[in-house]
């Protein structure tokens, strides 16, 4: 399937199964097929598994103007807005973990009680 981002780029993604969503994010130079075994394992245990190719990777469109991880975390935010996503758990490898960290620091407010 394809997601059209707010800047007009096409991202290729896959949704398999039903239940709580696990979002798998590949690292630099990777692509969504690196998660094939995880897709099979977790869907057989009642999860919905979502994988996608980040821009400039795999089957997603190339962006010659990509200059920061902030755009990649914005793409993640747009993916999470899909109506099929249910209480997502984010799982990232290498650069994928950095995208998650950037997404969380830019979109969540954490309150500490003392």
PDB file of N, CA and C in Angstrom:
ATOM      1  N   UNK A   1       0.844  -1.166   0.000  1.00  0.00           N
ATOM      2  CA  UNK A   1       0.000   0.000   0.000  1.00  0.00           C
ATOM      3  C   UNK A   1       0.895   1.237   0.000  1.00  0.00           C
ATOM      4  N   UNK A   2       0.317   2.362  -0.344  1.00  0.00           N
ATOM      5  CA  UNK A   2       1.090   3.604  -0.366  1.00  0.00           C
ATOM      6  C   UNK A   2       0.428   4.689   0.475  1.00  0.00           C
ATOM      7  N   UNK A   3       1.260   5.400   1.185  1.00  0.00           N
ATOM      8  CA  UNK A   3       0.842   6.558   1.959  1.00  0.00           C
ATOM      9  C   UNK A   3       1.420   7.786   1.265  1.00  0.00           C
ATOM     10  N   UNK A   4       0.583   8.788   1.037  1.00  0.00           N
ATOM     11  CA  UNK A   4       1.049  10.054   0.462  1.00  0.00           C
ATOM     12  C   UNK A   4       1.279  11.004   1.631  1.00  0.00           C
ATOM     13  N   UNK A   5       2.529  11.462   1.810  1.00  0.00           N
ATOM     14  CA  UNK A   5       2.865  12.338   2.926  1.00  0.00           C
ATOM     15  C   UNK A   5       2.401  13.764   2.655  1.00  0.00           C
ATOM     16  N   UNK A   6       2.449  14.603   3.688  1.00  0.00           N
ATOM     17  CA  UNK A   6       1.976  15.986   3.525  1.00  0.00           C
ATOM     18  C   UNK A   6       2.845  16.803   2.572  1.00  0.00           C
ATOM     19  N   UNK A   7       4.048  16.317   2.249  1.00  0.00           N
ATOM     20  CA  UNK A   7       4.869  17.003   1.248  1.00  0.00           C
ATOM     21  C   UNK A   7       4.821  16.292  -0.108  1.00  0.00           C
ATOM     22  N   UNK A   8       3.868  15.362  -0.269  1.00  0.00           N
ATOM     23  CA  UNK A   8       3.606  14.747  -1.565  1.00  0.00           C
ATOM     24  C   UNK A   8       4.414  13.518  -1.912  1.00  0.00           C
ATOM     25  N   UNK A   9       5.214  13.024  -0.993  1.00  0.00           N
ATOM     26  CA  UNK A   9       6.034  11.852  -1.275  1.00  0.00           C
ATOM     27  C   UNK A   9       5.243  10.572  -1.033  1.00  0.00           C
ATOM     28  N   UNK A  10       5.534   9.514  -1.785  1.00  0.00           N
ATOM     29  CA  UNK A  10       4.880   8.219  -1.629  1.00  0.00           C
ATOM     30  C   UNK A  10       5.744   7.294  -0.771  1.00  0.00           C
ATOM     31  N   UNK A  11       5.145   6.764   0.308  1.00  0.00           N
ATOM     32  CA  UNK A  11       5.813   5.780   1.158  1.00  0.00           C
ATOM     33  C   UNK A  11       5.093   4.449   1.022  1.00  0.00           C
ATOM     34  N   UNK A  12       5.856   3.398   0.800  1.00  0.00           N
ATOM     35  CA  UNK A  12       5.301   2.071   0.684  1.00  0.00           C
ATOM     36  C   UNK A  12       5.200   1.456   2.082  1.00  0.00           C
ATOM     37  N   UNK A  13       4.041   0.870   2.409  1.00  0.00           N
ATOM     38  CA  UNK A  13       3.876   0.232   3.709  1.00  0.00           C
ATOM     39  C   UNK A  13       3.020  -1.016   3.580  1.00  0.00           C
ATOM     40  N   UNK A  14       3.061  -1.829   4.642  1.00  0.00           N
ATOM     41  CA  UNK A  14       2.318  -3.083   4.671  1.00  0.00           C
ATOM     42  C   UNK A  14       1.665  -3.225   6.037  1.00  0.00           C
ATOM     43  N   UNK A  15       0.424  -3.654   6.073  1.00  0.00           N
ATOM     44  CA  UNK A  15      -0.296  -3.948   7.309  1.00  0.00           C
ATOM     45  C   UNK A  15      -0.744  -5.402   7.227  1.00  0.00           C
ATOM     46  N   UNK A  16      -0.364  -6.199   8.237  1.00  0.00           N
ATOM     47  CA  UNK A  16      -0.718  -7.610   8.254  1.00  0.00           C
ATOM     48  C   UNK A  16      -1.304  -7.946   9.623  1.00  0.00           C
ATOM     49  N   UNK A  17      -2.404  -8.645   9.643  1.00  0.00           N
ATOM     50  CA  UNK A  17      -2.986  -9.126  10.880  1.00  0.00           C
ATOM     51  C   UNK A  17      -3.929  -8.137  11.537  1.00  0.00           C
ATOM     52  N   UNK A  18      -4.392  -8.532  12.735  1.00  0.00           N
ATOM     53  CA  UNK A  18      -5.361  -7.751  13.492  1.00  0.00           C
ATOM     54  C   UNK A  18      -4.930  -7.721  14.949  1.00  0.00           C
ATOM     55  N   UNK A  19      -5.351  -6.685  15.643  1.00  0.00           N
ATOM     56  CA  UNK A  19      -5.014  -6.551  17.056  1.00  0.00           C
ATOM     57  C   UNK A  19      -4.204  -5.296  17.291  1.00  0.00           C
ATOM     58  N   UNK A  20      -3.514  -5.256  18.427  1.00  0.00           N
ATOM     59  CA  UNK A  20      -2.676  -4.104  18.738  1.00  0.00           C
ATOM     60  C   UNK A  20      -1.577  -3.989  17.691  1.00  0.00           C
ATOM     61  N   UNK A  21      -1.272  -2.756  17.285  1.00  0.00           N
ATOM     62  CA  UNK A  21      -0.310  -2.521  16.202  1.00  0.00           C
ATOM     63  C   UNK A  21       1.125  -2.505  16.698  1.00  0.00           C
ATOM     64  N   UNK A  22       1.971  -3.257  16.020  1.00  0.00           N
ATOM     65  CA  UNK A  22       3.416  -3.189  16.213  1.00  0.00           C
ATOM     66  C   UNK A  22       3.985  -2.527  14.965  1.00  0.00           C
ATOM     67  N   UNK A  23       4.674  -1.409  15.136  1.00  0.00           N
ATOM     68  CA  UNK A  23       5.233  -0.670  14.006  1.00  0.00           C
ATOM     69  C   UNK A  23       6.732  -0.947  13.971  1.00  0.00           C
ATOM     70  N   UNK A  24       7.205  -1.608  12.928  1.00  0.00           N
ATOM     71  CA  UNK A  24       8.623  -1.943  12.779  1.00  0.00           C
ATOM     72  C   UNK A  24       9.279  -0.955  11.818  1.00  0.00           C
ATOM     73  N   UNK A  25      10.373  -0.326  12.277  1.00  0.00           N
ATOM     74  CA  UNK A  25      11.047   0.707  11.495  1.00  0.00           C
ATOM     75  C   UNK A  25      12.496   0.275  11.257  1.00  0.00           C
ATOM     76  N   UNK A  26      12.857   0.114  10.004  1.00  0.00           N
ATOM     77  CA  UNK A  26      14.188  -0.360   9.638  1.00  0.00           C
ATOM     78  C   UNK A  26      15.253   0.719   9.845  1.00  0.00           C
ATOM     79  N   UNK A  27      16.500   0.290   9.790  1.00  0.00           N
ATOM     80  CA  UNK A  27      17.630   1.199   9.919  1.00  0.00           C
ATOM     81  C   UNK A  27      18.087   1.761   8.584  1.00  0.00           C
ATOM     82  N   UNK A  28      19.159   2.566   8.630  1.00  0.00           N
ATOM     83  CA  UNK A  28      19.712   3.186   7.432  1.00  0.00           C
ATOM     84  C   UNK A  28      20.138   2.108   6.441  1.00  0.00           C
ATOM     85  N   UNK A  29      19.724   2.274   5.207  1.00  0.00           N
ATOM     86  CA  UNK A  29      20.050   1.320   4.160  1.00  0.00           C
ATOM     87  C   UNK A  29      19.155   0.091   4.152  1.00  0.00           C
ATOM     88  N   UNK A  30      18.214   0.027   5.072  1.00  0.00           N
ATOM     89  CA  UNK A  30      17.324  -1.130   5.173  1.00  0.00           C
ATOM     90  C   UNK A  30      16.051  -0.951   4.373  1.00  0.00           C
ATOM     91  N   UNK A  31      15.137  -1.868   4.570  1.00  0.00           N
ATOM     92  CA  UNK A  31      13.833  -1.849   3.906  1.00  0.00           C
ATOM     93  C   UNK A  31      12.914  -2.759   4.713  1.00  0.00           C
ATOM     94  N   UNK A  32      11.624  -2.659   4.462  1.00  0.00           N
ATOM     95  CA  UNK A  32      10.655  -3.337   5.318  1.00  0.00           C
ATOM     96  C   UNK A  32      10.749  -4.861   5.305  1.00  0.00           C
ATOM     97  N   UNK A  33      11.303  -5.455   4.273  1.00  0.00           N
ATOM     98  CA  UNK A  33      11.378  -6.916   4.210  1.00  0.00           C
ATOM     99  C   UNK A  33      12.336  -7.511   5.247  1.00  0.00           C
ATOM    100  N   UNK A  34      13.190  -6.688   5.878  1.00  0.00           N
ATOM    101  CA  UNK A  34      14.076  -7.230   6.912  1.00  0.00           C
ATOM    102  C   UNK A  34      13.284  -7.733   8.109  1.00  0.00           C
ATOM    103  N   UNK A  35      12.010  -7.344   8.210  1.00  0.00           N
ATOM    104  CA  UNK A  35      11.164  -7.725   9.337  1.00  0.00           C
ATOM    105  C   UNK A  35      10.277  -8.942   9.031  1.00  0.00           C
ATOM    106  N   UNK A  36      10.517  -9.655   7.955  1.00  0.00           N
ATOM    107  CA  UNK A  36       9.635 -10.747   7.521  1.00  0.00           C
ATOM    108  C   UNK A  36       9.369 -11.768   8.629  1.00  0.00           C
ATOM    109  N   UNK A  37      10.394 -12.210   9.311  1.00  0.00           N
ATOM    110  CA  UNK A  37      10.187 -13.219  10.364  1.00  0.00           C
ATOM    111  C   UNK A  37       9.385 -12.659  11.533  1.00  0.00           C
ATOM    112  N   UNK A  38       9.600 -11.375  11.842  1.00  0.00           N
ATOM    113  CA  UNK A  38       8.833 -10.757  12.922  1.00  0.00           C
ATOM    114  C   UNK A  38       7.358 -10.630  12.535  1.00  0.00           C
ATOM    115  N   UNK A  39       7.095 -10.334  11.268  1.00  0.00           N
ATOM    116  CA  UNK A  39       5.709 -10.231  10.793  1.00  0.00           C
ATOM    117  C   UNK A  39       5.006 -11.563  11.015  1.00  0.00           C
ATOM    118  N   UNK A  40       5.608 -12.642  10.570  1.00  0.00           N
ATOM    119  CA  UNK A  40       5.004 -13.967  10.723  1.00  0.00           C
ATOM    120  C   UNK A  40       4.813 -14.323  12.196  1.00  0.00           C
ATOM    121  N   UNK A  41       5.817 -14.087  13.008  1.00  0.00           N
ATOM    122  CA  UNK A  41       5.765 -14.450  14.417  1.00  0.00           C
ATOM    123  C   UNK A  41       4.658 -13.695  15.149  1.00  0.00           C
ATOM    124  N   UNK A  42       4.632 -12.371  15.011  1.00  0.00           N
ATOM    125  CA  UNK A  42       3.696 -11.575  15.798  1.00  0.00           C
ATOM    126  C   UNK A  42       2.252 -11.636  15.276  1.00  0.00           C
ATOM    127  N   UNK A  43       2.064 -11.778  13.977  1.00  0.00           N
ATOM    128  CA  UNK A  43       0.685 -11.918  13.493  1.00  0.00           C
ATOM    129  C   UNK A  43       0.087 -13.239  13.955  1.00  0.00           C
ATOM    130  N   UNK A  44       0.906 -14.271  14.080  1.00  0.00           N
ATOM    131  CA  UNK A  44       0.403 -15.556  14.560  1.00  0.00           C
ATOM    132  C   UNK A  44       0.055 -15.513  16.045  1.00  0.00           C
ATOM    133  N   UNK A  45       0.467 -14.442  16.713  1.00  0.00           N
ATOM    134  CA  UNK A  45       0.175 -14.274  18.136  1.00  0.00           C
ATOM    135  C   UNK A  45      -0.827 -13.149  18.409  1.00  0.00           C
ATOM    136  N   UNK A  46      -1.564 -12.759  17.366  1.00  0.00           N
ATOM    137  CA  UNK A  46      -2.676 -11.841  17.555  1.00  0.00           C
ATOM    138  C   UNK A  46      -2.363 -10.365  17.453  1.00  0.00           C
ATOM    139  N   UNK A  47      -1.239 -10.010  16.862  1.00  0.00           N
ATOM    140  CA  UNK A  47      -0.898  -8.599  16.667  1.00  0.00           C
ATOM    141  C   UNK A  47      -1.109  -8.198  15.217  1.00  0.00           C
ATOM    142  N   UNK A  48      -1.327  -6.918  15.034  1.00  0.00           N
ATOM    143  CA  UNK A  48      -1.278  -6.332  13.703  1.00  0.00           C
ATOM    144  C   UNK A  48       0.153  -5.814  13.538  1.00  0.00           C
ATOM    145  N   UNK A  49       0.809  -6.174  12.453  1.00  0.00           N
ATOM    146  CA  UNK A  49       2.186  -5.743  12.216  1.00  0.00           C
ATOM    147  C   UNK A  49       2.218  -4.788  11.034  1.00  0.00           C
ATOM    148  N   UNK A  50       2.853  -3.635  11.246  1.00  0.00           N
ATOM    149  CA  UNK A  50       2.982  -2.613  10.216  1.00  0.00           C
ATOM    150  C   UNK A  50       4.466  -2.412   9.940  1.00  0.00           C
ATOM    151  N   UNK A  51       4.837  -2.518   8.675  1.00  0.00           N
ATOM    152  CA  UNK A  51       6.204  -2.210   8.242  1.00  0.00           C
ATOM    153  C   UNK A  51       6.109  -1.181   7.125  1.00  0.00           C
ATOM    154  N   UNK A  52       7.161  -0.425   6.951  1.00  0.00           N
ATOM    155  CA  UNK A  52       7.184   0.535   5.844  1.00  0.00           C
ATOM    156  C   UNK A  52       8.610   0.829   5.444  1.00  0.00           C
ATOM    157  N   UNK A  53       8.753   1.274   4.202  1.00  0.00           N
ATOM    158  CA  UNK A  53      10.045   1.738   3.710  1.00  0.00           C
ATOM    159  C   UNK A  53      10.108   3.234   3.937  1.00  0.00           C
ATOM    160  N   UNK A  54      11.103   3.656   4.707  1.00  0.00           N
ATOM    161  CA  UNK A  54      11.275   5.088   4.916  1.00  0.00           C
ATOM    162  C   UNK A  54      11.656   5.745   3.585  1.00  0.00           C
ATOM    163  N   UNK A  55      11.409   7.036   3.483  1.00  0.00           N
ATOM    164  CA  UNK A  55      11.777   7.727   2.241  1.00  0.00           C
ATOM    165  C   UNK A  55      13.258   7.479   1.945  1.00  0.00           C
ATOM    166  N   UNK A  56      13.563   7.372   0.658  1.00  0.00           N
ATOM    167  CA  UNK A  56      14.913   7.078   0.159  1.00  0.00           C
ATOM    168  C   UNK A  56      15.347   5.638   0.429  1.00  0.00           C
ATOM    169  N   UNK A  57      14.412   4.768   0.773  1.00  0.00           N
ATOM    170  CA  UNK A  57      14.718   3.368   1.044  1.00  0.00           C
ATOM    171  C   UNK A  57      13.670   2.482   0.380  1.00  0.00           C
ATOM    172  N   UNK A  58      14.092   1.271   0.008  1.00  0.00           N
ATOM    173  CA  UNK A  58      13.166   0.266  -0.504  1.00  0.00           C
ATOM    174  C   UNK A  58      12.284   0.763  -1.628  1.00  0.00           C
ATOM    175  N   UNK A  59      10.986   0.505  -1.498  1.00  0.00           N
ATOM    176  CA  UNK A  59      10.019   0.860  -2.539  1.00  0.00           C
ATOM    177  C   UNK A  59       9.412   2.248  -2.362  1.00  0.00           C
ATOM    178  N   UNK A  60       9.868   2.990  -1.360  1.00  0.00           N
ATOM    179  CA  UNK A  60       9.350   4.349  -1.170  1.00  0.00           C
ATOM    180  C   UNK A  60      10.083   5.326  -2.081  1.00  0.00           C
ATOM    181  N   UNK A  61       9.450   6.447  -2.280  1.00  0.00           N
ATOM    182  CA  UNK A  61       9.972   7.455  -3.193  1.00  0.00           C
ATOM    183  C   UNK A  61      11.247   8.102  -2.638  1.00  0.00           C
ATOM    184  N   UNK A  62      12.117   8.500  -3.550  1.00  0.00           N
ATOM    185  CA  UNK A  62      13.368   9.173  -3.198  1.00  0.00           C
ATOM    186  C   UNK A  62      13.119  10.668  -3.037  1.00  0.00           C
ATOM    187  N   UNK A  63      13.674  11.232  -1.982  1.00  0.00           N
ATOM    188  CA  UNK A  63      13.567  12.662  -1.694  1.00  0.00           C
ATOM    189  C   UNK A  63      14.959  13.277  -1.738  1.00  0.00           C
ATOM    190  N   UNK A  64      15.308  13.985  -2.808  1.00  0.00           N
ATOM    191  CA  UNK A  64      16.650  14.562  -2.912  1.00  0.00           C
ATOM    192  C   UNK A  64      16.894  15.679  -1.893  1.00  0.00           C
ATOM    193  N   UNK A  65      15.841  16.182  -1.274  1.00  0.00           N
ATOM    194  CA  UNK A  65      15.974  17.278  -0.314  1.00  0.00           C
ATOM    195  C   UNK A  65      15.993  16.818   1.139  1.00  0.00           C
ATOM    196  N   UNK A  66      15.992  15.522   1.381  1.00  0.00           N
ATOM    197  CA  UNK A  66      16.006  15.023   2.754  1.00  0.00           C
ATOM    198  C   UNK A  66      17.298  15.457   3.436  1.00  0.00           C
ATOM    199  N   UNK A  67      17.145  16.205   4.537  1.00  0.00           N
ATOM    200  CA  UNK A  67      18.345  16.716   5.200  1.00  0.00           C
ATOM    201  C   UNK A  67      18.325  16.560   6.721  1.00  0.00           C
ATOM    202  N   UNK A  68      17.286  15.903   7.259  1.00  0.00           N
ATOM    203  CA  UNK A  68      17.273  15.698   8.708  1.00  0.00           C
ATOM    204  C   UNK A  68      16.352  14.544   9.080  1.00  0.00           C
ATOM    205  N   UNK A  69      16.570  14.043  10.270  1.00  0.00           N
ATOM    206  CA  UNK A  69      15.738  12.960  10.776  1.00  0.00           C
ATOM    207  C   UNK A  69      14.339  13.452  11.120  1.00  0.00           C
ATOM    208  N   UNK A  70      14.189  14.772  11.275  1.00  0.00           N
ATOM    209  CA  UNK A  70      12.876  15.331  11.618  1.00  0.00           C
ATOM    210  C   UNK A  70      11.826  14.977  10.562  1.00  0.00           C
ATOM    211  N   UNK A  71      12.213  14.968   9.298  1.00  0.00           N
ATOM    212  CA  UNK A  71      11.257  14.611   8.241  1.00  0.00           C
ATOM    213  C   UNK A  71      10.857  13.144   8.364  1.00  0.00           C
ATOM    214  N   UNK A  72      11.808  12.293   8.713  1.00  0.00           N
ATOM    215  CA  UNK A  72      11.494  10.876   8.876  1.00  0.00           C
ATOM    216  C   UNK A  72      10.547  10.650  10.045  1.00  0.00           C
ATOM    217  N   UNK A  73      10.716  11.413  11.120  1.00  0.00           N
ATOM    218  CA  UNK A  73       9.798  11.270  12.256  1.00  0.00           C
ATOM    219  C   UNK A  73       8.426  11.843  11.919  1.00  0.00           C
ATOM    220  N   UNK A  74       8.376  12.847  11.072  1.00  0.00           N
ATOM    221  CA  UNK A  74       7.084  13.373  10.602  1.00  0.00           C
ATOM    222  C   UNK A  74       6.366  12.310   9.758  1.00  0.00           C
ATOM    223  N   UNK A  75       7.128  11.592   8.935  1.00  0.00           N
ATOM    224  CA  UNK A  75       6.540  10.488   8.155  1.00  0.00           C
ATOM    225  C   UNK A  75       5.946   9.433   9.088  1.00  0.00           C
ATOM    226  N   UNK A  76       6.667   9.106  10.158  1.00  0.00           N
ATOM    227  CA  UNK A  76       6.157   8.150  11.136  1.00  0.00           C
ATOM    228  C   UNK A  76       4.858   8.665  11.743  1.00  0.00           C
ATOM    229  N   UNK A  77       4.823   9.934  12.080  1.00  0.00           N
ATOM    230  CA  UNK A  77       3.614  10.527  12.649  1.00  0.00           C
ATOM    231  C   UNK A  77       2.433  10.379  11.688  1.00  0.00           C
ATOM    232  N   UNK A  78       2.676  10.595  10.419  1.00  0.00           N
ATOM    233  CA  UNK A  78       1.601  10.460   9.430  1.00  0.00           C
ATOM    234  C   UNK A  78       1.156   9.004   9.278  1.00  0.00           C
ATOM    235  N   UNK A  79       2.101   8.069   9.347  1.00  0.00           N
ATOM    236  CA  UNK A  79       1.760   6.657   9.295  1.00  0.00           C
ATOM    237  C   UNK A  79       0.887   6.275  10.491  1.00  0.00           C
ATOM    238  N   UNK A  80       1.233   6.785  11.659  1.00  0.00           N
ATOM    239  CA  UNK A  80       0.484   6.464  12.872  1.00  0.00           C
ATOM    240  C   UNK A  80      -0.935   7.039  12.846  1.00  0.00           C
ATOM    241  N   UNK A  81      -1.182   7.999  11.982  1.00  0.00           N
ATOM    242  CA  UNK A  81      -2.518   8.595  11.867  1.00  0.00           C
ATOM    243  C   UNK A  81      -3.467   7.749  11.013  1.00  0.00           C
ATOM    244  N   UNK A  82      -2.955   6.694  10.389  1.00  0.00           N
ATOM    245  CA  UNK A  82      -3.830   5.822   9.588  1.00  0.00           C
ATOM    246  C   UNK A  82      -4.908   5.221  10.489  1.00  0.00           C
ATOM    247  N   UNK A  83      -6.125   5.117   9.988  1.00  0.00           N
ATOM    248  CA  UNK A  83      -7.224   4.617  10.829  1.00  0.00           C
ATOM    249  C   UNK A  83      -7.073   3.160  11.261  1.00  0.00           C
ATOM    250  N   UNK A  84      -6.220   2.389  10.604  1.00  0.00           N
ATOM    251  CA  UNK A  84      -6.048   0.979  10.956  1.00  0.00           C
ATOM    252  C   UNK A  84      -5.072   0.763  12.113  1.00  0.00           C
ATOM    253  N   UNK A  85      -4.400   1.810  12.565  1.00  0.00           N
ATOM    254  CA  UNK A  85      -3.401   1.685  13.632  1.00  0.00           C
ATOM    255  C   UNK A  85      -4.102   1.668  14.993  1.00  0.00           C
ATOM    256  N   UNK A  86      -3.789   0.638  15.814  1.00  0.00           N
ATOM    257  CA  UNK A  86      -4.427   0.453  17.117  1.00  0.00           C
ATOM    258  C   UNK A  86      -3.396   0.430  18.234  1.00  0.00           C
ATOM    259  N   UNK A  87      -3.367   1.470  19.080  1.00  0.00           N
ATOM    260  CA  UNK A  87      -2.475   1.524  20.246  1.00  0.00           C
ATOM    261  C   UNK A  87      -1.069   1.038  19.894  1.00  0.00           C
ATOM    262  N   UNK A  88      -0.359   1.774  19.040  1.00  0.00           N
ATOM    263  CA  UNK A  88       0.902   1.281  18.478  1.00  0.00           C
ATOM    264  C   UNK A  88       2.036   1.133  19.492  1.00  0.00           C
ATOM    265  N   UNK A  89       2.806   0.093  19.259  1.00  0.00           N
ATOM    266  CA  UNK A  89       4.085  -0.105  19.924  1.00  0.00           C
ATOM    267  C   UNK A  89       5.131   0.097  18.842  1.00  0.00           C
ATOM    268  N   UNK A  90       6.108   0.984  19.091  1.00  0.00           N
ATOM    269  CA  UNK A  90       7.122   1.319  18.095  1.00  0.00           C
ATOM    270  C   UNK A  90       8.386   0.510  18.334  1.00  0.00           C
ATOM    271  N   UNK A  91       8.897  -0.113  17.267  1.00  0.00           N
ATOM    272  CA  UNK A  91      10.088  -0.950  17.348  1.00  0.00           C
ATOM    273  C   UNK A  91      11.018  -0.524  16.221  1.00  0.00           C
ATOM    274  N   UNK A  92      12.216  -0.078  16.568  1.00  0.00           N
ATOM    275  CA  UNK A  92      13.134   0.387  15.542  1.00  0.00           C
ATOM    276  C   UNK A  92      14.518  -0.213  15.665  1.00  0.00           C
ATOM    277  N   UNK A  93      15.161  -0.380  14.537  1.00  0.00           N
ATOM    278  CA  UNK A  93      16.538  -0.862  14.492  1.00  0.00           C
ATOM    279  C   UNK A  93      17.438   0.276  14.027  1.00  0.00           C
ATOM    280  N   UNK A  94      18.505   0.538  14.761  1.00  0.00           N
ATOM    281  CA  UNK A  94      19.516   1.511  14.376  1.00  0.00           C
ATOM    282  C   UNK A  94      18.872   2.874  14.103  1.00  0.00           C
ATOM    283  N   UNK A  95      18.944   3.364  12.855  1.00  0.00           N
ATOM    284  CA  UNK A  95      18.346   4.657  12.532  1.00  0.00           C
ATOM    285  C   UNK A  95      16.845   4.662  12.816  1.00  0.00           C
ATOM    286  N   UNK A  96      16.186   3.511  12.711  1.00  0.00           N
ATOM    287  CA  UNK A  96      14.769   3.421  13.032  1.00  0.00           C
ATOM    288  C   UNK A  96      14.500   3.796  14.481  1.00  0.00           C
ATOM    289  N   UNK A  97      15.389   3.392  15.391  1.00  0.00           N
ATOM    290  CA  UNK A  97      15.253   3.779  16.799  1.00  0.00           C
ATOM    291  C   UNK A  97      15.451   5.284  16.959  1.00  0.00           C
ATOM    292  N   UNK A  98      16.345   5.868  16.180  1.00  0.00           N
ATOM    293  CA  UNK A  98      16.552   7.319  16.225  1.00  0.00           C
ATOM    294  C   UNK A  98      15.323   8.066  15.732  1.00  0.00           C
ATOM    295  N   UNK A  99      14.659   7.527  14.737  1.00  0.00           N
ATOM    296  CA  UNK A  99      13.419   8.130  14.241  1.00  0.00           C
ATOM    297  C   UNK A  99      12.360   8.103  15.349  1.00  0.00           C
ATOM    298  N   UNK A 100      12.257   6.985  16.050  1.00  0.00           N
ATOM    299  CA  UNK A 100      11.305   6.883  17.164  1.00  0.00           C
ATOM    300  C   UNK A 100      11.640   7.911  18.234  1.00  0.00           C
ATOM    301  N   UNK A 101      12.897   7.997  18.611  1.00  0.00           N
ATOM    302  CA  UNK A 101      13.311   8.952  19.639  1.00  0.00           C
ATOM    303  C   UNK A 101      12.970  10.379  19.225  1.00  0.00           C
ATOM    304  N   UNK A 102      13.264  10.742  17.985  1.00  0.00           N
ATOM    305  CA  UNK A 102      12.950  12.088  17.507  1.00  0.00           C
ATOM    306  C   UNK A 102      11.443  12.324  17.519  1.00  0.00           C
ATOM    307  N   UNK A 103      10.694  11.331  17.052  1.00  0.00           N
ATOM    308  CA  UNK A 103       9.227  11.438  17.064  1.00  0.00           C
ATOM    309  C   UNK A 103       8.706  11.685  18.474  1.00  0.00           C
ATOM    310  N   UNK A 104       9.182  10.902  19.433  1.00  0.00           N
ATOM    311  CA  UNK A 104       8.704  11.032  20.805  1.00  0.00           C
ATOM    312  C   UNK A 104       9.086  12.375  21.417  1.00  0.00           C
ATOM    313  N   UNK A 105      10.305  12.828  21.176  1.00  0.00           N
ATOM    314  CA  UNK A 105      10.726  14.104  21.766  1.00  0.00           C
ATOM    315  C   UNK A 105      10.018  15.284  21.126  1.00  0.00           C
ATOM    316  N   UNK A 106       9.577  15.145  19.893  1.00  0.00           N
ATOM    317  CA  UNK A 106       8.910  16.245  19.205  1.00  0.00           C
ATOM    318  C   UNK A 106       7.395  16.256  19.390  1.00  0.00           C
ATOM    319  N   UNK A 107       6.811  15.126  19.778  1.00  0.00           N
ATOM    320  CA  UNK A 107       5.347  15.069  19.811  1.00  0.00           C
ATOM    321  C   UNK A 107       4.740  14.826  21.187  1.00  0.00           C
ATOM    322  N   UNK A 108       5.535  14.391  22.152  1.00  0.00           N
ATOM    323  CA  UNK A 108       4.978  14.086  23.463  1.00  0.00           C
ATOM    324  C   UNK A 108       5.495  15.053  24.524  1.00  0.00           C
ATOM    325  N   UNK A 109       4.649  15.366  25.458  1.00  0.00           N
ATOM    326  CA  UNK A 109       5.054  16.132  26.619  1.00  0.00           C
ATOM    327  C   UNK A 109       5.076  15.174  27.801  1.00  0.00           C
ATOM    328  N   UNK A 110       6.204  15.071  28.429  1.00  0.00           N
ATOM    329  CA  UNK A 110       6.334  14.168  29.575  1.00  0.00           C
ATOM    330  C   UNK A 110       6.280  15.013  30.848  1.00  0.00           C
ATOM    331  N   UNK A 111       5.407  14.640  31.742  1.00  0.00           N
ATOM    332  CA  UNK A 111       5.290  15.335  33.030  1.00  0.00           C
ATOM    333  C   UNK A 111       5.893  14.473  34.136  1.00  0.00           C
ATOM    334  N   UNK A 112       6.771  15.063  34.876  1.00  0.00           N
ATOM    335  CA  UNK A 112       7.393  14.375  36.001  1.00  0.00           C
ATOM    336  C   UNK A 112       6.726  14.826  37.295  1.00  0.00           C
ATOM    337  N   UNK A 113       6.430  13.888  38.152  1.00  0.00           N
ATOM    338  CA  UNK A 113       5.864  14.185  39.459  1.00  0.00           C
ATOM    339  C   UNK A 113       6.949  14.007  40.506  1.00  0.00           C
ATOM    340  N   UNK A 114       7.002  14.936  41.439  1.00  0.00           N
ATOM    341  CA  UNK A 114       8.039  14.818  42.454  1.00  0.00           C
ATOM    342  C   UNK A 114       7.549  15.158  43.824  1.00  0.00           C
TER     343      UNK A 114
END
